């Protein structure tokens, strides 16, 4: 039989696992929001008084979401973010600091030709739990490397032609398949 102290320690460990999962989920929502150009989803991961420093952009979550949409809507055909190696360190019950490695690929037309722009870096985040919900209070993006590659050809054939095409909007098939809920 476990003591009260052992039960309390187990509840604390389970709570910390739940906190880590909540932070992981908000990081995934962020990527999905940018990749689908979903303003509401982007805003759902930041506290309203949060701050984002993307280097060429520094400002509030609302201004950041507008910057992404205006900069991507007409010039980026598709965008995909890959997150890995996320390390989260807790500082008390309601503050955490994180470093998440990111690779982002943007397909766009440059001088009339199709190019893939790829960059790798890290998100350095301060997460805060307010009213029971973890969100980003401050984000700084660190750039590690980037490159631009011309797209000589696109693979096409029976597999890709049969797939539902992705869209950078709520018209993306994933929304109809139950992914609309954050």
C-alpha atoms as a PDB file:
ATOM      1  CA  UNK A   1       0.000   0.000   0.000  1.00  0.00           C
ATOM      2  CA  UNK A   2       1.312   3.426  -0.907  1.00  0.00           C
ATOM      3  CA  UNK A   3       1.677   6.252   1.570  1.00  0.00           C
ATOM      4  CA  UNK A   4       0.053   9.639   1.158  1.00  0.00           C
ATOM      5  CA  UNK A   5       3.464  11.094   0.259  1.00  0.00           C
ATOM      6  CA  UNK A   6       3.998   8.451  -2.420  1.00  0.00           C
ATOM      7  CA  UNK A   7       0.527   9.109  -3.857  1.00  0.00           C
ATOM      8  CA  UNK A   8       1.185  12.868  -3.888  1.00  0.00           C
ATOM      9  CA  UNK A   9       4.529  12.316  -5.646  1.00  0.00           C
ATOM     10  CA  UNK A  10       2.822  10.109  -8.252  1.00  0.00           C
ATOM     11  CA  UNK A  11       0.128  12.759  -8.844  1.00  0.00           C
ATOM     12  CA  UNK A  12       2.900  15.368  -9.312  1.00  0.00           C
ATOM     13  CA  UNK A  13       4.710  13.145 -11.861  1.00  0.00           C
ATOM     14  CA  UNK A  14       1.494  12.505 -13.782  1.00  0.00           C
ATOM     15  CA  UNK A  15       0.688  16.225 -13.715  1.00  0.00           C
ATOM     16  CA  UNK A  16       4.126  17.036 -15.149  1.00  0.00           C
ATOM     17  CA  UNK A  17       3.584  14.470 -17.949  1.00  0.00           C
ATOM     18  CA  UNK A  18       0.247  16.136 -18.713  1.00  0.00           C
ATOM     19  CA  UNK A  19       1.987  19.549 -18.762  1.00  0.00           C
ATOM     20  CA  UNK A  20       4.610  18.273 -21.228  1.00  0.00           C
ATOM     21  CA  UNK A  21       1.906  16.858 -23.476  1.00  0.00           C
ATOM     22  CA  UNK A  22      -0.056  20.123 -23.399  1.00  0.00           C
ATOM     23  CA  UNK A  23       3.082  22.026 -24.427  1.00  0.00           C
ATOM     24  CA  UNK A  24       3.804  19.490 -27.186  1.00  0.00           C
ATOM     25  CA  UNK A  25       0.229  19.848 -28.477  1.00  0.00           C
ATOM     26  CA  UNK A  26       0.448  23.649 -28.610  1.00  0.00           C
ATOM     27  CA  UNK A  27       3.729  23.404 -30.573  1.00  0.00           C
ATOM     28  CA  UNK A  28       1.994  21.111 -33.084  1.00  0.00           C
ATOM     29  CA  UNK A  29      -0.981  23.511 -33.321  1.00  0.00           C
ATOM     30  CA  UNK A  30       1.428  26.366 -34.053  1.00  0.00           C
ATOM     31  CA  UNK A  31       2.972  24.473 -36.992  1.00  0.00           C
ATOM     32  CA  UNK A  32      -0.427  23.484 -38.315  1.00  0.00           C
ATOM     33  CA  UNK A  33      -1.718  27.050 -37.987  1.00  0.00           C
ATOM     34  CA  UNK A  34       1.173  28.497 -40.013  1.00  0.00           C
ATOM     35  CA  UNK A  35       1.124  25.700 -42.587  1.00  0.00           C
ATOM     36  CA  UNK A  36      -2.651  25.994 -43.117  1.00  0.00           C
ATOM     37  CA  UNK A  37      -2.702  29.824 -42.810  1.00  0.00           C
ATOM     38  CA  UNK A  38      -5.205  29.480 -39.971  1.00  0.00           C
ATOM     39  CA  UNK A  39      -5.075  32.760 -38.052  1.00  0.00           C
ATOM     40  CA  UNK A  40      -7.248  31.541 -35.181  1.00  0.00           C
ATOM     41  CA  UNK A  41      -5.090  28.462 -34.699  1.00  0.00           C
ATOM     42  CA  UNK A  42      -1.904  30.557 -34.669  1.00  0.00           C
ATOM     43  CA  UNK A  43      -3.426  32.866 -32.065  1.00  0.00           C
ATOM     44  CA  UNK A  44      -4.590  29.911 -29.957  1.00  0.00           C
ATOM     45  CA  UNK A  45      -0.996  29.088 -28.929  1.00  0.00           C
ATOM     46  CA  UNK A  46      -0.021  32.557 -27.643  1.00  0.00           C
ATOM     47  CA  UNK A  47      -1.126  34.483 -24.602  1.00  0.00           C
ATOM     48  CA  UNK A  48      -2.735  37.746 -25.845  1.00  0.00           C
ATOM     49  CA  UNK A  49       0.105  39.798 -24.314  1.00  0.00           C
ATOM     50  CA  UNK A  50       2.735  37.446 -25.750  1.00  0.00           C
ATOM     51  CA  UNK A  51       5.689  38.401 -27.913  1.00  0.00           C
ATOM     52  CA  UNK A  52       7.201  36.815 -31.022  1.00  0.00           C
ATOM     53  CA  UNK A  53      10.675  37.583 -32.380  1.00  0.00           C
ATOM     54  CA  UNK A  54      11.118  35.985 -35.797  1.00  0.00           C
ATOM     55  CA  UNK A  55      14.049  38.243 -36.685  1.00  0.00           C
ATOM     56  CA  UNK A  56      12.379  40.049 -39.586  1.00  0.00           C
ATOM     57  CA  UNK A  57       9.259  40.333 -37.441  1.00  0.00           C
ATOM     58  CA  UNK A  58       8.996  41.361 -33.795  1.00  0.00           C
ATOM     59  CA  UNK A  59       5.654  41.984 -32.164  1.00  0.00           C
ATOM     60  CA  UNK A  60       2.387  40.786 -30.690  1.00  0.00           C
ATOM     61  CA  UNK A  61       0.691  37.489 -31.530  1.00  0.00           C
ATOM     62  CA  UNK A  62      -2.031  39.261 -33.536  1.00  0.00           C
ATOM     63  CA  UNK A  63       0.516  41.221 -35.561  1.00  0.00           C
ATOM     64  CA  UNK A  64       2.546  38.023 -36.043  1.00  0.00           C
ATOM     65  CA  UNK A  65      -0.485  36.087 -37.350  1.00  0.00           C
ATOM     66  CA  UNK A  66      -1.283  38.931 -39.765  1.00  0.00           C
ATOM     67  CA  UNK A  67       2.384  39.048 -40.868  1.00  0.00           C
ATOM     68  CA  UNK A  68       2.355  35.314 -41.622  1.00  0.00           C
ATOM     69  CA  UNK A  69      -0.889  35.479 -43.567  1.00  0.00           C
ATOM     70  CA  UNK A  70       0.062  38.562 -45.579  1.00  0.00           C
ATOM     71  CA  UNK A  71       3.554  37.248 -46.307  1.00  0.00           C
ATOM     72  CA  UNK A  72       2.442  33.760 -47.303  1.00  0.00           C
ATOM     73  CA  UNK A  73      -1.020  33.996 -48.828  1.00  0.00           C
ATOM     74  CA  UNK A  74      -0.020  35.065 -52.337  1.00  0.00           C
ATOM     75  CA  UNK A  75       3.648  34.074 -52.473  1.00  0.00           C
ATOM     76  CA  UNK A  76       4.067  30.705 -50.727  1.00  0.00           C
ATOM     77  CA  UNK A  77       2.346  27.821 -52.516  1.00  0.00           C
ATOM     78  CA  UNK A  78       2.886  25.454 -49.613  1.00  0.00           C
ATOM     79  CA  UNK A  79       4.725  25.434 -46.318  1.00  0.00           C
ATOM     80  CA  UNK A  80       5.658  22.568 -44.019  1.00  0.00           C
ATOM     81  CA  UNK A  81       7.144  22.799 -40.530  1.00  0.00           C
ATOM     82  CA  UNK A  82       8.895  19.845 -38.904  1.00  0.00           C
ATOM     83  CA  UNK A  83       9.606  19.992 -35.155  1.00  0.00           C
ATOM     84  CA  UNK A  84      11.958  17.679 -33.306  1.00  0.00           C
ATOM     85  CA  UNK A  85      14.274  17.589 -30.307  1.00  0.00           C
ATOM     86  CA  UNK A  86      12.003  19.597 -28.050  1.00  0.00           C
ATOM     87  CA  UNK A  87      13.465  20.058 -24.607  1.00  0.00           C
ATOM     88  CA  UNK A  88      11.258  21.576 -21.909  1.00  0.00           C
ATOM     89  CA  UNK A  89      12.480  22.690 -18.484  1.00  0.00           C
ATOM     90  CA  UNK A  90       9.965  23.661 -15.838  1.00  0.00           C
ATOM     91  CA  UNK A  91      10.517  26.641 -13.578  1.00  0.00           C
ATOM     92  CA  UNK A  92       7.921  26.197 -10.864  1.00  0.00           C
ATOM     93  CA  UNK A  93       4.359  25.105 -11.422  1.00  0.00           C
ATOM     94  CA  UNK A  94       3.263  27.557 -14.137  1.00  0.00           C
ATOM     95  CA  UNK A  95       6.370  28.535 -16.126  1.00  0.00           C
ATOM     96  CA  UNK A  96       8.437  26.446 -18.534  1.00  0.00           C
ATOM     97  CA  UNK A  97      11.231  27.167 -20.980  1.00  0.00           C
ATOM     98  CA  UNK A  98      11.663  25.250 -24.198  1.00  0.00           C
ATOM     99  CA  UNK A  99      14.003  24.772 -27.113  1.00  0.00           C
ATOM    100  CA  UNK A 100      12.541  23.027 -30.174  1.00  0.00           C
ATOM    101  CA  UNK A 101      14.455  22.326 -33.346  1.00  0.00           C
ATOM    102  CA  UNK A 102      12.558  23.270 -36.511  1.00  0.00           C
ATOM    103  CA  UNK A 103      12.971  22.739 -40.235  1.00  0.00           C
ATOM    104  CA  UNK A 104      10.610  24.765 -42.411  1.00  0.00           C
ATOM    105  CA  UNK A 105      10.178  24.353 -46.153  1.00  0.00           C
ATOM    106  CA  UNK A 106       8.461  27.028 -48.257  1.00  0.00           C
ATOM    107  CA  UNK A 107       7.646  26.447 -51.928  1.00  0.00           C
ATOM    108  CA  UNK A 108       7.428  29.704 -53.830  1.00  0.00           C
ATOM    109  CA  UNK A 109       8.027  31.267 -57.217  1.00  0.00           C
ATOM    110  CA  UNK A 110      11.159  33.416 -57.516  1.00  0.00           C
ATOM    111  CA  UNK A 111      11.822  35.259 -60.779  1.00  0.00           C
ATOM    112  CA  UNK A 112       9.215  33.107 -62.526  1.00  0.00           C
ATOM    113  CA  UNK A 113      10.708  29.770 -61.437  1.00  0.00           C
ATOM    114  CA  UNK A 114       9.623  27.401 -58.683  1.00  0.00           C
ATOM    115  CA  UNK A 115      11.984  27.146 -55.684  1.00  0.00           C
ATOM    116  CA  UNK A 116      12.050  25.380 -52.347  1.00  0.00           C
ATOM    117  CA  UNK A 117      13.321  27.559 -49.522  1.00  0.00           C
ATOM    118  CA  UNK A 118      14.446  25.523 -46.530  1.00  0.00           C
ATOM    119  CA  UNK A 119      15.609  26.785 -43.186  1.00  0.00           C
ATOM    120  CA  UNK A 120      16.565  25.157 -39.922  1.00  0.00           C
ATOM    121  CA  UNK A 121      16.666  26.728 -36.521  1.00  0.00           C
ATOM    122  CA  UNK A 122      15.237  26.624 -33.053  1.00  0.00           C
ATOM    123  CA  UNK A 123      12.272  28.058 -31.226  1.00  0.00           C
ATOM    124  CA  UNK A 124      13.283  29.352 -27.809  1.00  0.00           C
ATOM    125  CA  UNK A 125      10.038  29.666 -25.872  1.00  0.00           C
ATOM    126  CA  UNK A 126       8.765  30.801 -22.533  1.00  0.00           C
ATOM    127  CA  UNK A 127       5.543  28.963 -21.776  1.00  0.00           C
ATOM    128  CA  UNK A 128       3.179  30.076 -19.057  1.00  0.00           C
ATOM    129  CA  UNK A 129       0.137  28.344 -17.675  1.00  0.00           C
ATOM    130  CA  UNK A 130      -2.629  30.854 -17.066  1.00  0.00           C
ATOM    131  CA  UNK A 131      -6.178  29.929 -16.149  1.00  0.00           C
ATOM    132  CA  UNK A 132      -5.119  26.288 -16.431  1.00  0.00           C
ATOM    133  CA  UNK A 133      -3.836  26.532 -20.031  1.00  0.00           C
ATOM    134  CA  UNK A 134      -0.257  26.490 -21.296  1.00  0.00           C
ATOM    135  CA  UNK A 135       0.564  29.019 -24.023  1.00  0.00           C
ATOM    136  CA  UNK A 136       3.570  30.853 -25.409  1.00  0.00           C
ATOM    137  CA  UNK A 137       4.391  34.054 -23.533  1.00  0.00           C
ATOM    138  CA  UNK A 138       7.571  34.792 -25.511  1.00  0.00           C
ATOM    139  CA  UNK A 139       9.201  33.221 -28.569  1.00  0.00           C
ATOM    140  CA  UNK A 140      12.594  33.923 -30.089  1.00  0.00           C
ATOM    141  CA  UNK A 141      13.565  32.157 -33.303  1.00  0.00           C
ATOM    142  CA  UNK A 142      17.226  31.248 -33.762  1.00  0.00           C
ATOM    143  CA  UNK A 143      18.443  30.620 -37.321  1.00  0.00           C
ATOM    144  CA  UNK A 144      21.027  27.879 -37.854  1.00  0.00           C
ATOM    145  CA  UNK A 145      21.112  27.481 -41.651  1.00  0.00           C
ATOM    146  CA  UNK A 146      19.067  28.003 -44.788  1.00  0.00           C
ATOM    147  CA  UNK A 147      19.151  27.274 -48.484  1.00  0.00           C
ATOM    148  CA  UNK A 148      17.160  27.853 -51.673  1.00  0.00           C
ATOM    149  CA  UNK A 149      16.894  25.114 -54.280  1.00  0.00           C
ATOM    150  CA  UNK A 150      15.342  25.401 -57.731  1.00  0.00           C
ATOM    151  CA  UNK A 151      12.679  22.796 -58.395  1.00  0.00           C
ATOM    152  CA  UNK A 152      13.880  21.154 -61.608  1.00  0.00           C
ATOM    153  CA  UNK A 153      10.860  18.917 -61.799  1.00  0.00           C
ATOM    154  CA  UNK A 154       7.965  17.793 -59.673  1.00  0.00           C
ATOM    155  CA  UNK A 155       7.323  14.139 -59.147  1.00  0.00           C
ATOM    156  CA  UNK A 156       3.957  13.181 -60.538  1.00  0.00           C
ATOM    157  CA  UNK A 157       2.348   9.909 -61.280  1.00  0.00           C
ATOM    158  CA  UNK A 158      -0.384   7.563 -60.152  1.00  0.00           C
ATOM    159  CA  UNK A 159       0.392   8.023 -56.440  1.00  0.00           C
ATOM    160  CA  UNK A 160       0.529  11.811 -56.275  1.00  0.00           C
ATOM    161  CA  UNK A 161      -2.268  12.319 -58.792  1.00  0.00           C
ATOM    162  CA  UNK A 162      -4.551  10.119 -56.660  1.00  0.00           C
ATOM    163  CA  UNK A 163      -3.930  12.063 -53.436  1.00  0.00           C
ATOM    164  CA  UNK A 164      -6.217  14.825 -52.219  1.00  0.00           C
ATOM    165  CA  UNK A 165      -4.375  18.109 -52.803  1.00  0.00           C
ATOM    166  CA  UNK A 166      -3.329  20.053 -49.712  1.00  0.00           C
ATOM    167  CA  UNK A 167      -4.568  23.622 -49.294  1.00  0.00           C
ATOM    168  CA  UNK A 168      -3.369  26.492 -47.144  1.00  0.00           C
ATOM    169  CA  UNK A 169      -6.797  27.260 -45.759  1.00  0.00           C
ATOM    170  CA  UNK A 170      -9.729  25.659 -43.942  1.00  0.00           C
ATOM    171  CA  UNK A 171     -10.550  24.101 -47.344  1.00  0.00           C
ATOM    172  CA  UNK A 172      -7.718  21.629 -46.650  1.00  0.00           C
ATOM    173  CA  UNK A 173      -9.135  18.077 -46.493  1.00  0.00           C
ATOM    174  CA  UNK A 174      -7.854  17.655 -42.911  1.00  0.00           C
ATOM    175  CA  UNK A 175     -10.503  20.074 -41.617  1.00  0.00           C
ATOM    176  CA  UNK A 176     -13.293  17.916 -43.033  1.00  0.00           C
ATOM    177  CA  UNK A 177     -11.641  14.870 -41.456  1.00  0.00           C
ATOM    178  CA  UNK A 178     -11.960  16.183 -37.904  1.00  0.00           C
ATOM    179  CA  UNK A 179      -8.798  18.271 -37.487  1.00  0.00           C
ATOM    180  CA  UNK A 180     -10.644  21.602 -37.254  1.00  0.00           C
ATOM    181  CA  UNK A 181     -10.715  21.480 -33.463  1.00  0.00           C
ATOM    182  CA  UNK A 182      -7.552  22.868 -31.853  1.00  0.00           C
END
